[in-house]
Each structure stands twice: as structure tokens, then as C-alpha cells.
């Protein structure tokens, strides 16, 4: 099937004003070729039965069939579109992670966050449809790095299930085998993601690999303290000291003073 060079998006929201806002943002994004809108999950299914979309920008709370239910239904499709949730309720992020949503946007959606989500959609298209990735990669948004997510779902230390942690509150992440140990203002948590993957995903949000075992949110850095052996220690706002490998010292110093 031939495809246009830009993304094909279906936006779904039962609130007319919110739907009009996201439609306007999508239509003015360089990465997007076509935008269709639906006011309900049932209407969205009609669109999906008549053609292929790269992604659904999907409201969570809707009458009759909620966004989460539609997202679960899409997993039965042979070639489902990526799902980006739109909501005014951040607590829904945990369930969004469970249905493997590509991104989770808090209303009102900003241009930067929408462009970041579109960047993730393009990366998803490139991974799942490599034969057509080259054409879509020519659009300007494909070259722009995506911002990090607003929240991350971590294992709840108090028992089963997940807990949400705002990414901006995470100070440092330490490698722990195939897991990562997160230190944030809310406490310490385990995340089932290797440090290397977090470095790629969170880099645009200000996280930097300073040591093979440490990833740091530079928003919390207050001092880079040189050591006699050529290494350094990065001091955070809560007086946490993170080791910096010798090979990373010069680049980190330039970045902190940029």
C-alpha cells in the first residue's frame, strides 16, 4: 500500500473544544500529512475500519467506550496504530503504561510536548515499517529529538502495582543489573529498564550518563568537584554526590557552563 510522506493521525475526544485544539496543533506540525477527528470511540472504530493510521491521539475519559478500552481493543488488530493518550487526569498514566501507550500528554497540550509525541510516533513507524521509514524521516520533526516523558511508572515498594513519579523530580538513576534504581524526591524505586535505554529515552529531558553506573538529572546539579585522580564528583541539590568517570569530566563541565 502506498503511503504519503507524513504521518496519518486520528484524534479522538468527546470534548469539541479539546478536539479542535489538538486538531489545530496536529495540522500545523511538519511531521503530519493527514488528520482525521472522531468524537467517540465508536466513531474512531469506523475510521479505523476504513483505512490505516500511524497513531491515535486518544482521550482517556469518554462516554460508552473509554479510551483505555479502545486501546486494549486495538491490540487485537494485525497492524494497530500507536496510541498517544490525552487527558486532564495524570493518575491515568499508570494504566496507560500497562496498555503500552507510546506517550501520555496532559491537557492542555503544549506544542513542545505534542512535537515530542510525534517524534515517538515517527520512531515507532520506523521500527515497525522500515520500508517506509525513509520517506517519513525527511520531515523536519523527525530530526528533532523528542522530549522525555512527564511521568514514569515504577514498581511500588509498598506492594504490587505501579506508582507514578514525575520525571522532573528524579535526581539520579543507578544501574542495578537489568533494572534501574531511581532516587527522587518521592523516594527510591526500581524500574524494569536498563540504564542504557533510560539514557536514550530521558536524554532530551536533561539526563546525562556521567558514569557507567549512573545517570543524572542535571537540573538538580549544583557543583562539579574535581578529584586528584582526574575523575570528579557531581554534587546535587540535596548534597548527594555522584561519581563522574574521567572520560566524562570535560564534556560535563562544558555542558554545565554552557
C-alpha atoms as a PDB file:
ATOM      1  CA  UNK A   1       0.000   0.000   0.000  1.00  0.00           C
ATOM      2  CA  UNK A   2       1.485   3.392  -0.957  1.00  0.00           C
ATOM      3  CA  UNK A   3       1.727   5.949   1.804  1.00  0.00           C
ATOM      4  CA  UNK A   4       2.106   9.715   1.998  1.00  0.00           C
ATOM      5  CA  UNK A   5       5.431  11.023   3.339  1.00  0.00           C
ATOM      6  CA  UNK A   6       3.879  12.436   6.518  1.00  0.00           C
ATOM      7  CA  UNK A   7       2.077  10.843   9.425  1.00  0.00           C
ATOM      8  CA  UNK A   8      -1.597   9.967   9.311  1.00  0.00           C
ATOM      9  CA  UNK A   9      -3.249  10.758  12.662  1.00  0.00           C
ATOM     10  CA  UNK A  10      -6.694  10.108  14.114  1.00  0.00           C
ATOM     11  CA  UNK A  11      -7.577  12.370  17.060  1.00  0.00           C
ATOM     12  CA  UNK A  12     -10.364  11.145  19.341  1.00  0.00           C
ATOM     13  CA  UNK A  13     -12.013  13.285  22.041  1.00  0.00           C
ATOM     14  CA  UNK A  14     -15.623  13.780  23.095  1.00  0.00           C
ATOM     15  CA  UNK A  15     -14.972  17.424  24.065  1.00  0.00           C
ATOM     16  CA  UNK A  16     -15.377  19.565  20.915  1.00  0.00           C
ATOM     17  CA  UNK A  17     -13.058  22.344  22.074  1.00  0.00           C
ATOM     18  CA  UNK A  18     -10.290  19.980  23.147  1.00  0.00           C
ATOM     19  CA  UNK A  19     -10.635  18.069  19.873  1.00  0.00           C
ATOM     20  CA  UNK A  20     -10.415  21.290  17.859  1.00  0.00           C
ATOM     21  CA  UNK A  21      -7.295  22.358  19.796  1.00  0.00           C
ATOM     22  CA  UNK A  22      -5.389  19.128  19.230  1.00  0.00           C
ATOM     23  CA  UNK A  23      -6.501  19.021  15.584  1.00  0.00           C
ATOM     24  CA  UNK A  24      -5.067  22.513  15.055  1.00  0.00           C
ATOM     25  CA  UNK A  25      -1.765  21.566  16.676  1.00  0.00           C
ATOM     26  CA  UNK A  26      -1.501  18.381  14.646  1.00  0.00           C
ATOM     27  CA  UNK A  27      -2.354  20.046  11.348  1.00  0.00           C
ATOM     28  CA  UNK A  28       0.395  22.632  11.820  1.00  0.00           C
ATOM     29  CA  UNK A  29       3.054  20.037  12.706  1.00  0.00           C
ATOM     30  CA  UNK A  30       5.553  19.453   9.853  1.00  0.00           C
ATOM     31  CA  UNK A  31       5.571  15.701  10.523  1.00  0.00           C
ATOM     32  CA  UNK A  32       1.843  15.293   9.916  1.00  0.00           C
ATOM     33  CA  UNK A  33       0.288  14.750   6.493  1.00  0.00           C
ATOM     34  CA  UNK A  34      -3.325  13.984   7.422  1.00  0.00           C
ATOM     35  CA  UNK A  35      -5.544  14.493  10.482  1.00  0.00           C
ATOM     36  CA  UNK A  36      -8.983  12.994  10.983  1.00  0.00           C
ATOM     37  CA  UNK A  37     -11.120  13.518  14.081  1.00  0.00           C
ATOM     38  CA  UNK A  38     -13.672  11.413  15.918  1.00  0.00           C
ATOM     39  CA  UNK A  39     -15.915  12.397  18.813  1.00  0.00           C
ATOM     40  CA  UNK A  40     -16.203   8.896  20.279  1.00  0.00           C
ATOM     41  CA  UNK A  41     -14.532   5.508  20.337  1.00  0.00           C
ATOM     42  CA  UNK A  42     -17.305   4.080  18.146  1.00  0.00           C
ATOM     43  CA  UNK A  43     -16.694   6.755  15.521  1.00  0.00           C
ATOM     44  CA  UNK A  44     -12.955   6.074  15.758  1.00  0.00           C
ATOM     45  CA  UNK A  45     -13.537   2.387  15.013  1.00  0.00           C
ATOM     46  CA  UNK A  46     -15.401   3.368  11.844  1.00  0.00           C
ATOM     47  CA  UNK A  47     -12.384   5.381  10.683  1.00  0.00           C
ATOM     48  CA  UNK A  48     -10.016   2.563  11.611  1.00  0.00           C
ATOM     49  CA  UNK A  49     -12.032   0.028   9.624  1.00  0.00           C
ATOM     50  CA  UNK A  50     -11.748   2.210   6.531  1.00  0.00           C
ATOM     51  CA  UNK A  51      -8.034   2.928   6.484  1.00  0.00           C
ATOM     52  CA  UNK A  52      -4.699   2.839   8.251  1.00  0.00           C
ATOM     53  CA  UNK A  53      -3.455   5.458  10.715  1.00  0.00           C
ATOM     54  CA  UNK A  54       0.028   5.799  12.168  1.00  0.00           C
ATOM     55  CA  UNK A  55      -1.310   6.906  15.552  1.00  0.00           C
ATOM     56  CA  UNK A  56      -4.373   7.682  17.630  1.00  0.00           C
ATOM     57  CA  UNK A  57      -4.267  10.743  19.852  1.00  0.00           C
ATOM     58  CA  UNK A  58      -6.861   9.420  22.247  1.00  0.00           C
ATOM     59  CA  UNK A  59      -8.759  10.955  25.162  1.00  0.00           C
ATOM     60  CA  UNK A  60      -8.937   8.724  28.234  1.00  0.00           C
ATOM     61  CA  UNK A  61     -12.354   9.618  29.661  1.00  0.00           C
ATOM     62  CA  UNK A  62     -15.144   9.253  27.088  1.00  0.00           C
ATOM     63  CA  UNK A  63     -18.770   8.027  27.292  1.00  0.00           C
ATOM     64  CA  UNK A  64     -19.782   4.492  26.300  1.00  0.00           C
ATOM     65  CA  UNK A  65     -16.310   3.205  25.363  1.00  0.00           C
ATOM     66  CA  UNK A  66     -13.437   4.801  27.268  1.00  0.00           C
ATOM     67  CA  UNK A  67     -10.052   5.452  25.736  1.00  0.00           C
ATOM     68  CA  UNK A  68      -8.363   2.661  27.702  1.00  0.00           C
ATOM     69  CA  UNK A  69     -10.921   0.140  26.472  1.00  0.00           C
ATOM     70  CA  UNK A  70     -10.356   1.242  22.883  1.00  0.00           C
ATOM     71  CA  UNK A  71      -6.585   0.972  23.326  1.00  0.00           C
ATOM     72  CA  UNK A  72      -6.959  -2.620  24.554  1.00  0.00           C
ATOM     73  CA  UNK A  73      -9.205  -3.417  21.607  1.00  0.00           C
ATOM     74  CA  UNK A  74      -6.602  -2.057  19.180  1.00  0.00           C
ATOM     75  CA  UNK A  75      -4.093  -4.644  20.391  1.00  0.00           C
ATOM     76  CA  UNK A  76      -6.159  -7.270  18.565  1.00  0.00           C
ATOM     77  CA  UNK A  77      -5.517  -5.526  15.236  1.00  0.00           C
ATOM     78  CA  UNK A  78      -2.959  -7.051  12.882  1.00  0.00           C
ATOM     79  CA  UNK A  79      -1.291  -3.672  12.334  1.00  0.00           C
ATOM     80  CA  UNK A  80      -2.554  -1.369  15.117  1.00  0.00           C
ATOM     81  CA  UNK A  81      -1.753   2.334  15.237  1.00  0.00           C
ATOM     82  CA  UNK A  82       0.389   3.707  18.028  1.00  0.00           C
ATOM     83  CA  UNK A  83      -1.585   5.222  20.907  1.00  0.00           C
ATOM     84  CA  UNK A  84      -0.880   8.598  22.465  1.00  0.00           C
ATOM     85  CA  UNK A  85      -3.226   9.385  25.339  1.00  0.00           C
ATOM     86  CA  UNK A  86      -4.641  12.841  26.043  1.00  0.00           C
ATOM     87  CA  UNK A  87      -6.097  13.530  29.463  1.00  0.00           C
ATOM     88  CA  UNK A  88      -6.579  16.049  32.212  1.00  0.00           C
ATOM     89  CA  UNK A  89      -6.072  13.321  34.820  1.00  0.00           C
ATOM     90  CA  UNK A  90      -2.382  12.367  35.372  1.00  0.00           C
ATOM     91  CA  UNK A  91      -3.388   9.384  37.537  1.00  0.00           C
ATOM     92  CA  UNK A  92      -4.419   7.543  34.376  1.00  0.00           C
ATOM     93  CA  UNK A  93      -0.761   7.286  33.333  1.00  0.00           C
ATOM     94  CA  UNK A  94      -0.230   4.003  35.186  1.00  0.00           C
ATOM     95  CA  UNK A  95      -2.943   2.263  33.178  1.00  0.00           C
ATOM     96  CA  UNK A  96      -1.614   3.898  30.011  1.00  0.00           C
ATOM     97  CA  UNK A  97       1.760   2.248  30.562  1.00  0.00           C
ATOM     98  CA  UNK A  98       0.034  -1.099  31.056  1.00  0.00           C
ATOM     99  CA  UNK A  99      -1.640  -0.896  27.627  1.00  0.00           C
ATOM    100  CA  UNK A 100       1.735   0.038  26.090  1.00  0.00           C
ATOM    101  CA  UNK A 101       0.809   3.575  25.076  1.00  0.00           C
ATOM    102  CA  UNK A 102       3.552   5.365  23.189  1.00  0.00           C
ATOM    103  CA  UNK A 103       3.120   8.602  25.131  1.00  0.00           C
ATOM    104  CA  UNK A 104       0.851  10.306  27.653  1.00  0.00           C
ATOM    105  CA  UNK A 105       0.025  14.010  27.271  1.00  0.00           C
ATOM    106  CA  UNK A 106      -1.544  16.148  29.978  1.00  0.00           C
ATOM    107  CA  UNK A 107      -4.141  18.674  28.813  1.00  0.00           C
ATOM    108  CA  UNK A 108      -3.817  21.439  27.818  1.00  0.00           C
ATOM    109  CA  UNK A 109      -1.279  20.023  25.362  1.00  0.00           C
ATOM    110  CA  UNK A 110       1.667  22.261  24.514  1.00  0.00           C
ATOM    111  CA  UNK A 111       3.393  22.452  21.149  1.00  0.00           C
ATOM    112  CA  UNK A 112       6.666  21.066  22.568  1.00  0.00           C
ATOM    113  CA  UNK A 113       5.022  18.016  24.127  1.00  0.00           C
ATOM    114  CA  UNK A 114       2.950  17.329  21.034  1.00  0.00           C
ATOM    115  CA  UNK A 115       6.046  17.503  18.828  1.00  0.00           C
ATOM    116  CA  UNK A 116       7.828  15.153  21.232  1.00  0.00           C
ATOM    117  CA  UNK A 117       4.963  12.670  20.943  1.00  0.00           C
ATOM    118  CA  UNK A 118       5.058  12.921  17.160  1.00  0.00           C
ATOM    119  CA  UNK A 119       8.766  12.183  17.298  1.00  0.00           C
ATOM    120  CA  UNK A 120       7.990   8.984  19.169  1.00  0.00           C
ATOM    121  CA  UNK A 121       5.340   8.088  16.606  1.00  0.00           C
ATOM    122  CA  UNK A 122       7.878   8.529  13.815  1.00  0.00           C
ATOM    123  CA  UNK A 123      10.371   6.336  15.671  1.00  0.00           C
ATOM    124  CA  UNK A 124       7.649   3.715  16.127  1.00  0.00           C
ATOM    125  CA  UNK A 125       6.792   3.821  12.416  1.00  0.00           C
ATOM    126  CA  UNK A 126      10.480   3.470  11.564  1.00  0.00           C
ATOM    127  CA  UNK A 127      10.744   0.383  13.776  1.00  0.00           C
ATOM    128  CA  UNK A 128       7.546  -1.319  12.632  1.00  0.00           C
ATOM    129  CA  UNK A 129       7.500  -0.232   8.970  1.00  0.00           C
ATOM    130  CA  UNK A 130      11.169   0.080   7.949  1.00  0.00           C
ATOM    131  CA  UNK A 131      10.353   0.041   4.232  1.00  0.00           C
ATOM    132  CA  UNK A 132       8.529   3.370   4.562  1.00  0.00           C
ATOM    133  CA  UNK A 133      10.636   4.947   7.296  1.00  0.00           C
ATOM    134  CA  UNK A 134      12.958   6.779   4.890  1.00  0.00           C
ATOM    135  CA  UNK A 135      10.173   8.877   3.398  1.00  0.00           C
ATOM    136  CA  UNK A 136       8.769   9.924   6.753  1.00  0.00           C
ATOM    137  CA  UNK A 137      12.236  10.665   8.146  1.00  0.00           C
ATOM    138  CA  UNK A 138      12.565  13.512   5.631  1.00  0.00           C
ATOM    139  CA  UNK A 139      10.062  15.644   7.534  1.00  0.00           C
ATOM    140  CA  UNK A 140      11.524  18.297   9.902  1.00  0.00           C
ATOM    141  CA  UNK A 141      10.077  16.867  13.101  1.00  0.00           C
ATOM    142  CA  UNK A 142      11.888  13.581  12.571  1.00  0.00           C
ATOM    143  CA  UNK A 143      15.240  15.296  13.051  1.00  0.00           C
ATOM    144  CA  UNK A 144      14.206  16.960  16.300  1.00  0.00           C
ATOM    145  CA  UNK A 145      14.841  14.971  19.482  1.00  0.00           C
ATOM    146  CA  UNK A 146      11.793  14.048  21.483  1.00  0.00           C
ATOM    147  CA  UNK A 147      11.458  15.420  24.983  1.00  0.00           C
ATOM    148  CA  UNK A 148      11.350  12.988  27.863  1.00  0.00           C
ATOM    149  CA  UNK A 149       8.052  11.771  29.313  1.00  0.00           C
ATOM    150  CA  UNK A 150       6.302  13.769  32.041  1.00  0.00           C
ATOM    151  CA  UNK A 151       5.937  10.795  34.367  1.00  0.00           C
ATOM    152  CA  UNK A 152       7.372   7.319  34.773  1.00  0.00           C
ATOM    153  CA  UNK A 153       5.621   4.267  36.203  1.00  0.00           C
ATOM    154  CA  UNK A 154       7.814   2.458  38.741  1.00  0.00           C
ATOM    155  CA  UNK A 155       7.370  -0.643  40.884  1.00  0.00           C
ATOM    156  CA  UNK A 156       5.521   0.239  44.074  1.00  0.00           C
ATOM    157  CA  UNK A 157       7.762  -0.620  47.071  1.00  0.00           C
ATOM    158  CA  UNK A 158       4.687  -0.909  49.293  1.00  0.00           C
ATOM    159  CA  UNK A 159       3.297  -3.853  47.351  1.00  0.00           C
ATOM    160  CA  UNK A 160       2.014  -4.842  43.939  1.00  0.00           C
ATOM    161  CA  UNK A 161       1.110  -2.467  41.162  1.00  0.00           C
ATOM    162  CA  UNK A 162       2.731   0.702  39.923  1.00  0.00           C
ATOM    163  CA  UNK A 163       3.383   4.159  41.266  1.00  0.00           C
ATOM    164  CA  UNK A 164       3.830   7.360  39.264  1.00  0.00           C
ATOM    165  CA  UNK A 165       6.928   9.509  39.682  1.00  0.00           C
ATOM    166  CA  UNK A 166       7.328  12.830  37.921  1.00  0.00           C
ATOM    167  CA  UNK A 167      10.475  12.751  35.815  1.00  0.00           C
ATOM    168  CA  UNK A 168      11.491  16.262  36.856  1.00  0.00           C
ATOM    169  CA  UNK A 169      11.689  15.025  40.474  1.00  0.00           C
ATOM    170  CA  UNK A 170      14.132  12.219  39.655  1.00  0.00           C
ATOM    171  CA  UNK A 171      17.671  13.192  40.720  1.00  0.00           C
ATOM    172  CA  UNK A 172      19.821  10.209  39.900  1.00  0.00           C
ATOM    173  CA  UNK A 173      19.432   6.716  38.438  1.00  0.00           C
ATOM    174  CA  UNK A 174      21.808   3.880  39.282  1.00  0.00           C
ATOM    175  CA  UNK A 175      22.297   0.711  37.257  1.00  0.00           C
ATOM    176  CA  UNK A 176      21.093  -2.421  39.029  1.00  0.00           C
ATOM    177  CA  UNK A 177      21.539  -5.286  36.568  1.00  0.00           C
ATOM    178  CA  UNK A 178      18.617  -5.282  34.142  1.00  0.00           C
ATOM    179  CA  UNK A 179      16.857  -2.836  36.470  1.00  0.00           C
ATOM    180  CA  UNK A 180      17.492   0.788  37.373  1.00  0.00           C
ATOM    181  CA  UNK A 181      17.283   2.225  40.884  1.00  0.00           C
ATOM    182  CA  UNK A 182      15.652   5.652  40.846  1.00  0.00           C
ATOM    183  CA  UNK A 183      16.308   8.269  43.523  1.00  0.00           C
ATOM    184  CA  UNK A 184      13.674  11.004  43.525  1.00  0.00           C
ATOM    185  CA  UNK A 185      12.007  13.481  45.841  1.00  0.00           C
ATOM    186  CA  UNK A 186       9.293  10.877  46.444  1.00  0.00           C
ATOM    187  CA  UNK A 187      11.744   8.144  47.481  1.00  0.00           C
ATOM    188  CA  UNK A 188      13.716   5.268  45.945  1.00  0.00           C
ATOM    189  CA  UNK A 189      12.189   2.921  43.394  1.00  0.00           C
ATOM    190  CA  UNK A 190      13.059   0.153  40.943  1.00  0.00           C
ATOM    191  CA  UNK A 191      12.329   0.455  37.253  1.00  0.00           C
ATOM    192  CA  UNK A 192      12.442  -2.571  34.959  1.00  0.00           C
ATOM    193  CA  UNK A 193      14.512  -0.813  32.301  1.00  0.00           C
ATOM    194  CA  UNK A 194      18.290  -0.966  31.717  1.00  0.00           C
ATOM    195  CA  UNK A 195      20.248   2.229  32.275  1.00  0.00           C
ATOM    196  CA  UNK A 196      21.283   2.407  28.616  1.00  0.00           C
ATOM    197  CA  UNK A 197      17.660   2.559  27.491  1.00  0.00           C
ATOM    198  CA  UNK A 198      16.861   5.281  30.027  1.00  0.00           C
ATOM    199  CA  UNK A 199      19.850   7.277  28.782  1.00  0.00           C
ATOM    200  CA  UNK A 200      18.345   7.272  25.291  1.00  0.00           C
ATOM    201  CA  UNK A 201      14.772   7.932  26.398  1.00  0.00           C
ATOM    202  CA  UNK A 202      15.482  10.587  29.031  1.00  0.00           C
ATOM    203  CA  UNK A 203      18.437  12.375  27.452  1.00  0.00           C
ATOM    204  CA  UNK A 204      16.233  15.086  25.881  1.00  0.00           C
ATOM    205  CA  UNK A 205      14.755  15.749  29.353  1.00  0.00           C
ATOM    206  CA  UNK A 206      18.184  16.704  30.762  1.00  0.00           C
ATOM    207  CA  UNK A 207      19.529  13.351  31.959  1.00  0.00           C
ATOM    208  CA  UNK A 208      23.224  12.639  31.321  1.00  0.00           C
ATOM    209  CA  UNK A 209      25.288   9.464  31.709  1.00  0.00           C
ATOM    210  CA  UNK A 210      28.171  10.552  33.944  1.00  0.00           C
ATOM    211  CA  UNK A 211      29.438   7.075  34.810  1.00  0.00           C
ATOM    212  CA  UNK A 212      28.753   3.578  33.515  1.00  0.00           C
ATOM    213  CA  UNK A 213      26.544   3.038  36.555  1.00  0.00           C
ATOM    214  CA  UNK A 214      24.941   6.488  36.941  1.00  0.00           C
ATOM    215  CA  UNK A 215      22.515   8.687  35.053  1.00  0.00           C
ATOM    216  CA  UNK A 216      21.912  12.179  36.491  1.00  0.00           C
ATOM    217  CA  UNK A 217      19.239  14.823  36.032  1.00  0.00           C
ATOM    218  CA  UNK A 218      21.357  17.944  35.505  1.00  0.00           C
ATOM    219  CA  UNK A 219      18.508  20.150  36.703  1.00  0.00           C
ATOM    220  CA  UNK A 220      19.469  19.044  40.222  1.00  0.00           C
ATOM    221  CA  UNK A 221      23.241  19.534  39.815  1.00  0.00           C
ATOM    222  CA  UNK A 222      24.875  22.344  41.824  1.00  0.00           C
ATOM    223  CA  UNK A 223      28.633  21.638  41.666  1.00  0.00           C
ATOM    224  CA  UNK A 224      31.201  19.612  39.748  1.00  0.00           C
ATOM    225  CA  UNK A 225      34.044  18.858  42.165  1.00  0.00           C
ATOM    226  CA  UNK A 226      37.334  17.716  40.600  1.00  0.00           C
ATOM    227  CA  UNK A 227      39.291  14.846  42.165  1.00  0.00           C
ATOM    228  CA  UNK A 228      43.081  14.361  42.225  1.00  0.00           C
ATOM    229  CA  UNK A 229      42.961  11.259  40.020  1.00  0.00           C
ATOM    230  CA  UNK A 230      41.264  13.088  37.135  1.00  0.00           C
ATOM    231  CA  UNK A 231      37.743  11.940  37.960  1.00  0.00           C
ATOM    232  CA  UNK A 232      35.127  14.186  39.535  1.00  0.00           C
ATOM    233  CA  UNK A 233      32.111  14.191  41.812  1.00  0.00           C
ATOM    234  CA  UNK A 234      28.830  15.810  40.790  1.00  0.00           C
ATOM    235  CA  UNK A 235      27.066  17.328  43.786  1.00  0.00           C
ATOM    236  CA  UNK A 236      23.279  17.580  43.684  1.00  0.00           C
ATOM    237  CA  UNK A 237      20.980  19.978  45.493  1.00  0.00           C
ATOM    238  CA  UNK A 238      20.305  17.516  48.318  1.00  0.00           C
ATOM    239  CA  UNK A 239      24.102  17.031  48.829  1.00  0.00           C
ATOM    240  CA  UNK A 240      24.107  13.664  47.059  1.00  0.00           C
ATOM    241  CA  UNK A 241      27.500  13.020  45.472  1.00  0.00           C
ATOM    242  CA  UNK A 242      27.605  11.085  42.194  1.00  0.00           C
ATOM    243  CA  UNK A 243      30.912   9.792  40.751  1.00  0.00           C
ATOM    244  CA  UNK A 244      31.884  11.091  37.308  1.00  0.00           C
ATOM    245  CA  UNK A 245      34.136   8.935  35.137  1.00  0.00           C
ATOM    246  CA  UNK A 246      37.365  10.537  33.936  1.00  0.00           C
ATOM    247  CA  UNK A 247      36.325  10.374  30.275  1.00  0.00           C
ATOM    248  CA  UNK A 248      33.106  12.288  31.021  1.00  0.00           C
ATOM    249  CA  UNK A 249      34.521  15.151  33.100  1.00  0.00           C
ATOM    250  CA  UNK A 250      35.430  17.597  30.314  1.00  0.00           C
ATOM    251  CA  UNK A 251      32.156  17.210  28.399  1.00  0.00           C
ATOM    252  CA  UNK A 252      30.123  17.507  31.595  1.00  0.00           C
ATOM    253  CA  UNK A 253      31.987  20.664  32.620  1.00  0.00           C
ATOM    254  CA  UNK A 254      31.288  22.245  29.228  1.00  0.00           C
ATOM    255  CA  UNK A 255      27.623  21.357  29.456  1.00  0.00           C
ATOM    256  CA  UNK A 256      27.219  22.741  32.964  1.00  0.00           C
ATOM    257  CA  UNK A 257      28.822  26.026  31.944  1.00  0.00           C
ATOM    258  CA  UNK A 258      27.081  26.338  28.584  1.00  0.00           C
END
